[in-house]
Structure formats: structure tokens, C-alpha cells
Protein backbone atom coordinates (compact mmCIF):
# COMPACT_ATOMS: atom_id res chain seq x y z
CA MET A 1 36.09 -12.16 14.75
CA LYS A 2 36.49 -8.79 16.41
CA LEU A 3 39.96 -9.03 17.91
CA LEU A 4 41.74 -6.19 19.66
CA ASP A 5 44.43 -4.77 17.37
CA SER A 6 46.87 -4.16 20.20
CA ILE A 7 46.70 -7.84 21.19
CA VAL A 8 47.09 -9.07 17.60
CA THR A 9 50.13 -6.83 17.18
CA GLU A 10 51.82 -8.28 20.27
CA ALA A 11 50.80 -11.91 19.63
CA ALA A 12 54.20 -13.07 18.35
CA SER A 13 55.97 -11.98 21.53
CA ILE A 14 53.40 -13.82 23.68
CA VAL A 15 53.70 -16.93 21.50
CA ALA A 16 57.43 -16.92 22.29
CA VAL A 17 56.65 -16.85 26.01
CA ARG A 18 54.15 -19.68 25.61
CA ARG A 19 56.64 -21.85 23.80
CA ASP A 20 59.33 -21.13 26.36
CA ILE A 21 56.97 -22.28 29.12
CA HIS A 22 56.04 -25.35 27.07
CA ALA A 23 59.71 -26.25 26.73
CA HIS A 24 60.24 -25.96 30.50
CA PRO A 25 57.24 -27.71 32.09
CA GLU A 26 56.91 -27.85 35.87
CA LEU A 27 54.65 -30.13 37.91
CA CYS A 28 52.14 -29.10 40.56
CA PHE A 29 53.52 -26.85 43.30
CA GLU A 30 56.90 -26.82 41.51
CA GLU A 31 56.10 -23.98 39.08
CA VAL A 32 58.96 -21.76 40.29
CA ARG A 33 60.44 -20.92 36.88
CA THR A 34 57.00 -20.48 35.34
CA ALA A 35 55.98 -18.11 38.15
CA ASP A 36 59.25 -16.20 37.69
CA VAL A 37 58.56 -15.75 33.97
CA ILE A 38 55.01 -14.53 34.65
CA ALA A 39 56.02 -12.17 37.45
CA ALA A 40 58.87 -10.73 35.37
CA ARG A 41 56.58 -9.97 32.45
CA LEU A 42 53.95 -8.34 34.66
CA ALA A 43 56.57 -6.23 36.42
CA GLU A 44 58.07 -5.24 33.07
CA TRP A 45 54.64 -3.94 32.03
CA GLY A 46 54.21 -1.99 35.26
CA ILE A 47 51.66 -4.32 36.85
CA PRO A 48 52.04 -4.86 40.64
CA VAL A 49 52.57 -8.51 41.55
CA HIS A 50 51.77 -10.57 44.64
CA ARG A 51 53.44 -13.96 44.95
CA GLY A 52 53.27 -17.00 47.18
CA LEU A 53 49.57 -17.85 47.44
CA GLY A 54 49.26 -21.61 47.14
CA GLY A 55 53.04 -21.85 47.16
CA THR A 56 53.89 -20.67 43.67
CA GLY A 57 50.79 -18.67 42.74
CA VAL A 58 51.04 -15.24 41.14
CA VAL A 59 48.42 -12.47 41.23
CA GLY A 60 48.73 -9.40 39.03
CA ILE A 61 46.79 -6.30 40.11
CA VAL A 62 45.53 -3.90 37.45
CA LYS A 63 43.73 -0.85 38.85
CA ASN A 64 42.16 2.16 37.24
CA GLY A 65 39.86 4.92 38.44
CA THR A 66 38.23 5.09 41.84
CA SER A 67 35.69 2.25 41.86
CA SER A 68 36.02 -0.46 44.50
CA ARG A 69 34.57 -3.05 42.13
CA ALA A 70 36.80 -5.93 41.03
CA VAL A 71 36.77 -9.09 38.92
CA GLY A 72 39.15 -12.06 38.80
CA LEU A 73 40.52 -13.87 35.74
CA ARG A 74 42.26 -17.20 36.33
CA ALA A 75 44.79 -19.30 34.39
CA ASP A 76 46.48 -22.51 35.59
CA MET A 77 50.24 -23.02 35.25
CA ASP A 78 51.25 -26.64 35.89
CA ALA A 79 52.22 -29.47 33.55
CA LEU A 80 51.66 -33.24 33.66
CA PRO A 81 54.02 -36.07 34.67
CA MET A 82 54.21 -37.67 31.20
CA GLN A 83 56.69 -38.03 28.37
CA GLU A 84 56.19 -35.79 25.34
CA PHE A 85 56.26 -37.42 21.88
CA ASN A 86 56.66 -34.14 19.96
CA THR A 87 60.10 -33.24 18.63
CA PHE A 88 59.52 -29.70 17.36
CA ALA A 89 61.72 -26.90 18.68
CA HIS A 90 59.60 -26.02 21.71
CA ALA A 91 59.03 -29.60 22.88
CA SER A 92 59.68 -30.36 26.56
CA LYS A 93 63.32 -30.30 27.58
CA HIS A 94 62.57 -32.34 30.71
CA ALA A 95 61.95 -36.07 30.50
CA GLY A 96 58.71 -37.19 32.08
CA ARG A 97 57.15 -33.72 32.12
CA MET A 98 54.90 -32.15 29.52
CA HIS A 99 52.36 -29.39 29.00
CA ALA A 100 49.79 -31.85 27.64
CA CYS A 101 46.73 -29.92 28.82
CA GLY A 102 47.48 -26.47 27.46
CA HIS A 103 48.12 -24.66 30.72
CA ASP A 104 51.05 -22.96 28.96
CA GLY A 105 48.49 -21.54 26.55
CA HIS A 106 46.16 -20.50 29.36
CA VAL A 107 49.03 -18.54 30.90
CA ALA A 108 49.81 -16.98 27.50
CA MET A 109 46.23 -15.81 26.90
CA LEU A 110 46.08 -14.14 30.30
CA LEU A 111 49.52 -12.58 29.82
CA ALA A 112 48.42 -11.18 26.47
CA ALA A 113 45.41 -9.61 28.20
CA ALA A 114 47.70 -8.27 30.94
CA LYS A 115 49.96 -6.59 28.39
CA HIS A 116 46.93 -4.89 26.84
CA PHE A 117 45.62 -3.80 30.26
CA ALA A 118 48.99 -2.27 31.09
CA ARG A 119 48.58 0.19 28.20
CA ASN A 120 44.81 0.41 27.80
CA ARG A 121 42.83 0.63 31.04
CA HIS A 122 39.35 1.29 29.70
CA PHE A 123 37.59 0.45 32.95
CA ASP A 124 36.92 1.79 36.42
CA GLY A 125 37.89 -0.73 39.09
CA THR A 126 40.35 -3.60 39.50
CA VAL A 127 41.19 -6.67 37.45
CA TYR A 128 42.96 -9.44 39.34
CA LEU A 129 45.07 -11.71 37.12
CA ILE A 130 45.25 -15.06 38.92
CA PHE A 131 47.98 -17.49 37.82
CA GLN A 132 47.24 -20.66 39.76
CA PRO A 133 49.52 -23.61 40.48
CA ALA A 134 48.70 -27.29 40.78
CA GLU A 135 45.45 -27.83 38.92
CA GLU A 136 46.49 -31.34 37.89
CA GLY A 137 45.58 -33.13 41.09
CA GLY A 138 47.15 -30.77 43.61
CA GLY A 139 44.15 -28.57 44.31
CA GLY A 140 46.07 -25.35 43.82
CA ALA A 141 42.86 -23.31 43.70
CA ARG A 142 41.91 -24.58 47.14
CA GLU A 143 45.38 -23.75 48.46
CA MET A 144 45.28 -20.21 47.09
CA ILE A 145 41.89 -19.72 48.75
CA LYS A 146 43.26 -21.09 52.04
CA ASP A 147 46.10 -18.57 51.79
CA GLY A 148 43.61 -15.72 51.54
CA LEU A 149 43.07 -15.17 47.81
CA PHE A 150 39.60 -13.71 48.17
CA GLU A 151 40.37 -11.82 51.38
CA LYS A 152 43.51 -10.17 50.04
CA PHE A 153 41.94 -9.55 46.65
CA PRO A 154 38.18 -9.07 47.16
CA MET A 155 36.33 -9.60 43.89
CA GLU A 156 32.70 -9.86 42.90
CA ALA A 157 33.17 -12.77 40.51
CA VAL A 158 35.87 -15.02 39.07
CA PHE A 159 36.15 -16.50 35.58
CA GLY A 160 38.19 -19.34 34.11
CA MET A 161 38.83 -20.75 30.64
CA HIS A 162 40.16 -24.03 29.20
CA ASN A 163 41.13 -24.90 25.65
CA TRP A 164 39.02 -27.69 24.14
CA PRO A 165 40.49 -29.79 21.30
CA GLY A 166 38.31 -30.85 18.39
CA GLY A 167 36.23 -27.72 18.13
CA GLN A 168 36.60 -25.22 15.31
CA VAL A 169 38.89 -22.31 16.20
CA GLY A 170 36.81 -19.18 16.70
CA ARG A 171 34.22 -20.84 18.91
CA PHE A 172 33.49 -20.74 22.63
CA ALA A 173 31.16 -22.78 24.82
CA VAL A 174 29.62 -21.71 28.12
CA SER A 175 26.48 -22.65 30.03
CA PRO A 176 25.07 -22.29 33.55
CA GLY A 177 25.01 -25.22 35.95
CA PRO A 178 27.40 -28.18 36.26
CA VAL A 179 29.97 -28.29 33.46
CA MET A 180 32.62 -30.58 34.97
CA ALA A 181 32.21 -33.43 37.44
CA SER A 182 33.40 -33.99 40.96
CA THR A 183 36.16 -36.53 41.38
CA ALA A 184 36.95 -39.07 44.07
CA GLU A 185 39.43 -41.93 44.36
CA PHE A 186 38.71 -45.24 46.07
CA LYS A 187 40.77 -48.17 47.27
CA VAL A 188 39.44 -51.55 48.36
CA THR A 189 41.81 -54.05 49.93
CA ILE A 190 40.38 -57.57 50.19
CA ARG A 191 42.28 -59.74 52.64
CA GLY A 192 41.89 -63.49 52.40
CA LYS A 193 44.12 -66.41 53.30
CA GLY A 194 46.79 -67.38 50.83
CA GLY A 195 47.84 -70.88 49.92
CA HIS A 196 48.62 -73.33 47.15
CA GLY A 197 46.78 -72.76 43.88
CA ALA A 198 45.99 -76.50 43.71
CA MET A 199 44.34 -76.52 47.15
CA PRO A 200 41.97 -73.52 47.26
CA HIS A 201 39.77 -75.15 49.90
CA LEU A 202 42.48 -74.59 52.49
CA GLY A 203 42.50 -70.81 52.08
CA VAL A 204 40.29 -67.81 51.29
CA ASP A 205 40.92 -66.64 47.75
CA PRO A 206 40.56 -62.82 47.49
CA VAL A 207 40.61 -62.80 43.67
CA PRO A 208 37.10 -64.16 42.95
CA VAL A 209 35.81 -61.93 45.76
CA ALA A 210 37.38 -58.95 44.01
CA CYS A 211 35.80 -60.00 40.72
CA GLN A 212 32.37 -60.04 42.35
CA VAL A 213 32.96 -56.65 43.92
CA VAL A 214 33.99 -55.13 40.58
CA GLN A 215 30.93 -56.55 38.85
CA ALA A 216 28.61 -55.33 41.58
CA PHE A 217 30.12 -51.83 41.47
CA GLN A 218 28.91 -51.58 37.87
CA THR A 219 25.29 -51.91 39.02
CA ILE A 220 25.42 -48.83 41.25
CA VAL A 221 24.94 -46.22 38.52
CA SER A 222 22.59 -48.39 36.44
CA ARG A 223 20.41 -49.56 39.34
CA ASN A 224 20.82 -47.17 42.28
CA VAL A 225 21.42 -43.75 40.75
CA LYS A 226 18.38 -41.97 39.34
CA PRO A 227 18.47 -42.35 35.53
CA ILE A 228 18.41 -38.57 34.94
CA ASP A 229 21.52 -38.13 37.13
CA ALA A 230 25.04 -38.77 35.84
CA GLY A 231 27.67 -40.86 37.54
CA VAL A 232 30.75 -42.91 36.70
CA VAL A 233 32.37 -45.72 38.70
CA SER A 234 35.58 -46.95 37.07
CA VAL A 235 37.82 -49.63 38.57
CA THR A 236 41.11 -48.81 36.89
CA MET A 237 43.60 -50.95 38.86
CA ILE A 238 43.54 -54.53 40.19
CA HIS A 239 46.64 -55.86 41.92
CA ALA A 240 47.04 -59.39 43.27
CA GLY A 241 49.45 -62.29 43.25
CA GLU A 242 53.06 -62.97 42.38
CA ALA A 243 53.07 -66.55 41.07
CA THR A 244 50.72 -68.67 38.97
CA ASN A 245 50.47 -71.47 41.54
CA VAL A 246 49.99 -69.31 44.63
CA ILE A 247 46.69 -67.96 45.94
CA PRO A 248 47.53 -64.45 47.21
CA ASP A 249 46.73 -63.18 50.68
CA SER A 250 45.15 -60.00 49.35
CA CYS A 251 43.80 -58.22 46.30
CA GLU A 252 43.64 -54.45 45.88
CA LEU A 253 41.18 -52.49 43.73
CA GLN A 254 41.53 -48.80 42.91
CA GLY A 255 39.67 -46.39 40.69
CA THR A 256 37.72 -43.18 40.28
CA VAL A 257 34.18 -41.93 40.85
CA ARG A 258 32.64 -38.96 39.00
CA ALA A 259 29.32 -37.16 39.54
CA PHE A 260 27.75 -33.74 39.07
CA ARG A 261 25.66 -33.72 42.27
CA GLU A 262 27.01 -34.23 45.78
CA GLU A 263 23.99 -36.39 46.64
CA VAL A 264 24.93 -38.77 43.84
CA GLN A 265 28.51 -38.96 45.08
CA ASP A 266 27.21 -39.67 48.59
CA LEU A 267 25.01 -42.49 47.29
CA ILE A 268 27.81 -44.04 45.26
CA GLU A 269 30.19 -44.02 48.22
CA LYS A 270 27.56 -45.59 50.48
CA ARG A 271 26.72 -48.37 48.04
CA MET A 272 30.38 -49.09 47.23
CA ARG A 273 31.16 -49.51 50.91
CA GLN A 274 28.14 -51.79 51.46
CA ILE A 275 28.97 -53.93 48.44
CA ALA A 276 32.67 -54.27 49.30
CA GLU A 277 32.20 -55.03 53.00
CA ASN A 278 29.27 -57.41 52.64
CA THR A 279 30.68 -59.29 49.67
CA CYS A 280 33.88 -59.85 51.60
CA ALA A 281 31.95 -60.95 54.67
CA ALA A 282 29.96 -63.45 52.61
CA HIS A 283 33.22 -65.10 51.53
CA ASP A 284 34.93 -64.98 54.95
CA ALA A 285 37.36 -62.30 53.75
CA GLN A 286 38.27 -59.00 55.38
CA CYS A 287 37.67 -55.62 53.75
CA GLU A 288 39.44 -52.27 53.98
CA PHE A 289 37.60 -49.49 52.14
CA SER A 290 38.68 -45.89 51.58
CA PHE A 291 36.99 -43.16 49.55
CA GLU A 292 38.85 -39.86 49.10
CA ARG A 293 37.05 -36.87 47.63
CA ASN A 294 39.27 -34.61 45.55
CA TYR A 295 37.56 -31.88 43.50
CA PRO A 296 33.89 -30.90 43.74
CA ALA A 297 31.80 -30.39 40.62
CA THR A 298 32.45 -27.23 38.61
CA VAL A 299 29.15 -25.35 38.63
CA ASN A 300 28.71 -22.11 36.68
CA SER A 301 26.35 -19.54 38.17
CA GLN A 302 23.49 -18.49 35.93
CA ALA A 303 24.09 -14.74 35.76
CA GLU A 304 27.84 -15.01 35.19
CA ALA A 305 27.51 -17.70 32.51
CA ASP A 306 24.90 -15.60 30.71
CA PHE A 307 27.16 -12.56 30.97
CA ALA A 308 30.16 -14.46 29.58
CA ARG A 309 28.03 -15.69 26.67
CA LYS A 310 27.02 -12.14 25.74
CA VAL A 311 30.63 -10.98 25.79
CA MET A 312 31.71 -13.90 23.60
CA ALA A 313 28.93 -13.15 21.12
CA THR A 314 30.24 -9.61 20.60
CA ILE A 315 33.60 -11.08 19.59
CA VAL A 316 32.73 -14.16 17.51
CA GLY A 317 28.98 -13.88 16.90
CA GLU A 318 26.17 -15.71 18.68
CA GLU A 319 26.35 -18.65 16.28
CA ASN A 320 29.88 -19.40 17.50
CA VAL A 321 29.00 -19.47 21.20
CA LEU A 322 27.89 -23.05 21.80
CA VAL A 323 26.06 -24.79 24.60
CA GLN A 324 28.71 -26.19 26.92
CA GLU A 325 28.31 -29.94 27.00
CA PRO A 326 29.15 -31.15 30.54
CA THR A 327 32.12 -33.48 30.83
CA MET A 328 32.97 -36.03 33.51
CA GLY A 329 36.47 -34.61 33.68
CA ALA A 330 37.24 -32.57 36.79
CA GLU A 331 38.69 -29.11 37.41
CA ASP A 332 39.80 -27.47 40.64
CA PHE A 333 38.42 -24.10 39.52
CA ALA A 334 35.38 -25.66 41.21
CA PHE A 335 36.75 -24.47 44.56
CA MET A 336 36.77 -20.87 43.35
CA LEU A 337 33.19 -21.21 42.10
CA GLN A 338 32.15 -22.51 45.51
CA ALA A 339 33.52 -19.31 47.04
CA LYS A 340 32.50 -16.78 44.35
CA PRO A 341 30.00 -16.47 41.51
CA GLY A 342 31.59 -17.05 38.13
CA ALA A 343 31.81 -19.13 34.99
CA TYR A 344 34.24 -21.59 33.46
CA CYS A 345 34.19 -21.72 29.66
CA PHE A 346 35.78 -23.70 26.83
CA ILE A 347 37.64 -22.17 23.88
CA ALA A 348 38.00 -24.44 20.83
CA ASN A 349 41.59 -25.58 20.15
CA GLY A 350 41.08 -26.95 16.61
CA ASP A 351 41.68 -30.40 15.16
CA GLY A 352 45.45 -30.49 15.60
CA SER A 353 46.40 -29.28 12.13
CA HIS A 354 48.12 -26.29 13.74
CA ARG A 355 50.93 -28.49 15.04
CA GLU A 356 54.30 -27.96 13.44
CA PHE A 357 56.50 -30.51 11.71
CA GLY A 358 57.87 -32.82 14.35
CA HIS A 359 54.65 -33.46 16.27
CA GLY A 360 53.98 -36.94 17.62
CA ALA A 361 51.86 -39.53 15.86
CA GLY A 362 49.03 -39.34 18.38
CA PRO A 363 45.97 -37.08 18.27
CA CYS A 364 45.97 -33.52 19.53
CA VAL A 365 43.74 -34.19 22.52
CA LEU A 366 44.18 -33.31 26.18
CA HIS A 367 46.62 -35.45 28.17
CA ASN A 368 48.03 -36.99 24.99
CA PRO A 369 51.82 -37.04 24.41
CA SER A 370 51.32 -35.53 20.94
CA TYR A 371 49.23 -32.58 22.12
CA ASP A 372 50.18 -28.93 21.61
CA PHE A 373 48.28 -25.74 22.35
CA ASN A 374 47.08 -23.79 19.32
CA ASP A 375 48.81 -20.39 19.36
CA ASP A 376 46.08 -18.94 17.13
CA LEU A 377 43.91 -18.90 20.27
CA ILE A 378 46.08 -16.36 22.09
CA PRO A 379 44.62 -13.19 20.50
CA LEU A 380 41.08 -14.56 20.74
CA GLY A 381 41.34 -15.71 24.35
CA ALA A 382 43.06 -12.48 25.38
CA THR A 383 40.42 -10.38 23.64
CA TYR A 384 37.74 -12.29 25.55
CA TRP A 385 39.50 -11.65 28.86
CA VAL A 386 39.80 -7.94 28.14
CA ARG A 387 36.23 -7.48 26.95
CA LEU A 388 34.89 -9.57 29.85
CA ALA A 389 36.68 -7.45 32.46
CA GLU A 390 35.79 -4.16 30.78
CA GLU A 391 32.11 -5.06 30.41
CA TRP A 392 31.90 -6.46 33.94
CA LEU A 393 33.34 -3.34 35.53
CA ALA A 394 31.15 -1.13 33.32
CA LYS A 395 27.86 -2.77 34.29
CA GLY A 396 25.76 -1.82 37.29
CA SER A 397 26.98 -2.60 40.77
CA ALA A 398 26.68 -6.29 41.62
């Protein structure tokens, strides 16, 4: 690997920042302390800071030369509402909150790049360092855009990066096209007529209706969606009843829908509504159906994904830049890619052997209470950010 010496030299100090952030996790739109830590470091290094976009967002502005060209680099800041199982020194100090997705590490990699930029500005133009709140369900990217991110800080392209457990450290993955799915949440309330469990003929039982609806939902992807398209319909909650001898008045279904293409999401919503309403009608029950779209699909633009791949290859070699296998997970960086060209890549986080004594018994995978970010990634991720910005601003005008 061809890492930047200045970043390797400063890695220990950035690791300390990462572990401090890990120990003090903050949920979406509550990242006040985290934003303070980031802003303080940037100011200490002489980097101008803008705060407040999306509530707690931070943007560092690194300029050099006279060019009007600019590129954006984004890291997310928020933690998850879950209890950490790790007991090592930097484990979460706040019950029910944990950096289980590595956003603390994403912040650290971008901070390491920022520290290098502060002393080594080998480019002509502007690098915007975007520290975004509320990726975990809050849509912080969308809120920063609403608050004028791309108007206040005009940039030609924007790039994002996420750690990916299981892969060998020293590898990246990036590809053009859809790399993460859109996400939507649905709720179906089936209203029947409650009564005695021994006399079902006197009421309208919503439970068997719900069972039919759930079963029928599973035919949408297999029988309505084109086989070469991807889609997921998962009913993840069913709530009904309070006693074994009472037929409930209602039954509620909730779950998630994932797709890469908007047309597929449209089709799934249409068929779900038809199935729910008509199945209820056939059993003399009432139906309330809601379908809320959250994040769109994350779609990398061709030129920017190809560019990112070339930069990665100069650092780790072409053989260590893999094809990015799309995942049905979702990411609100999608909103930024709807507004600007760019690419969202994965950086391998290892198999979990990096975790210190005192880690939980679970695997080191995303959203697991035994997860921890691999600090060995900080110099590599930061080197990628630096080389990406330098090469982008050095190439011909976009």
C-alpha cells in the first residue's frame, strides 16, 4: 500500500479522537458533542468551518490557489440506538447508544485527511469536508441539501465511503450504477369485529386475513417483479390480540420494502395496496394502508466511479479494488448523488480480529453490539480521500 507518510505519522492522534467519539455516541440530529469535537480540530488546524446545516452538520473548507473548481468528501457522524456489548476502554459510556456502524471511523478518516490538507495543499481549488448528521434513518443528507449545502458550497462532484466488515484490510470496492437499495416502510391495519374465541362466526377475525395478506405479499417479487430486477418485501412486525380466548378487533402488519429501481418500488407499492385492500374486502374487514418512502437508491455515476477506482488502484493496486456487490441496505448519501455526480465506495474493515480484549461475543458486523471500527483503516481511508481530491482538482475541467 502506498500510504501518505504524514498521515501515518499522525494516525495515533486521530485514533484517539475516533475512540473518544466512539465512547460518546450521539443519535441522529443530536450530534452536538461530536460536531464540537470535529469543529475544534478543524479550527485548530486552521481550516475554516461552517456549522448548522442539517442541524448539527459541519463543513470544513480547504482552499488553495485560484481555481474555482471544488469537490466534496462526506462522512456521517451519528450512532445507533442500541446497547453495546463491548467492555474495552473506549466502549460507549451511554446506555442504549452505540457506534455500531463505524461512523466514528468515517469521521476519523476524513479528519485525518483534513489534518494532512491543512499542511499539504497540493491542489488548485477547494475541498469541502462534509460531516453529516443523521444517516441512520434521519435523512441528514437531505436536510443538509435543504439548508443549502450545494448552493453555499458549489462542487462538481461528491464522494462518500463506508467501512465493510468481512473484507480483507487493504481492499476497496466501487462500481457504477446502483450499489445500495431504496427503502420504504409500510403499515397495514386490518380492522375486523372482535368477539369470543369460541364463537368466531359472530365476528370478523382479522388474524387469518392478516395471514393471507402476508402470504400474498411474498408473491409480489416472485410473480410480479421482472426476474432480472431486485426487490425485497419483508413483514417484520405483526401485532394482534391480548388474550387467548378473545378475537381481536384489529391486526397490524409492518415491514420494509427495498428496490434498486423506482419503477420496481412503484410496482411493489401498487400490488401491496391491491392485495391488502381486496383481501380485506373479501373477508368483510376494513383496511388502512400506508407506504412511506425513506431513502432512494444509491446510484454511482459512471465517470466518478471509474475515477475513484483509478485512484484506489494507485494506492492498493488494481487487484485490491473489487467490483462493488450491490446490497439491499440503504444509505442517505443517495440524496447527494441525486443532486451531484459522485460515487459511494466500500473500504474493507477486516474479520474482527482487530478488536481489543473486552469485545463482545458477537461478530464484528454492522449494527451488531460487538462491532468496532478497525483503526488500521484510518491511514488508508485518509490517503484515499487526499489522493482523490488532489487528482480530481488536477484533472481537466468538468
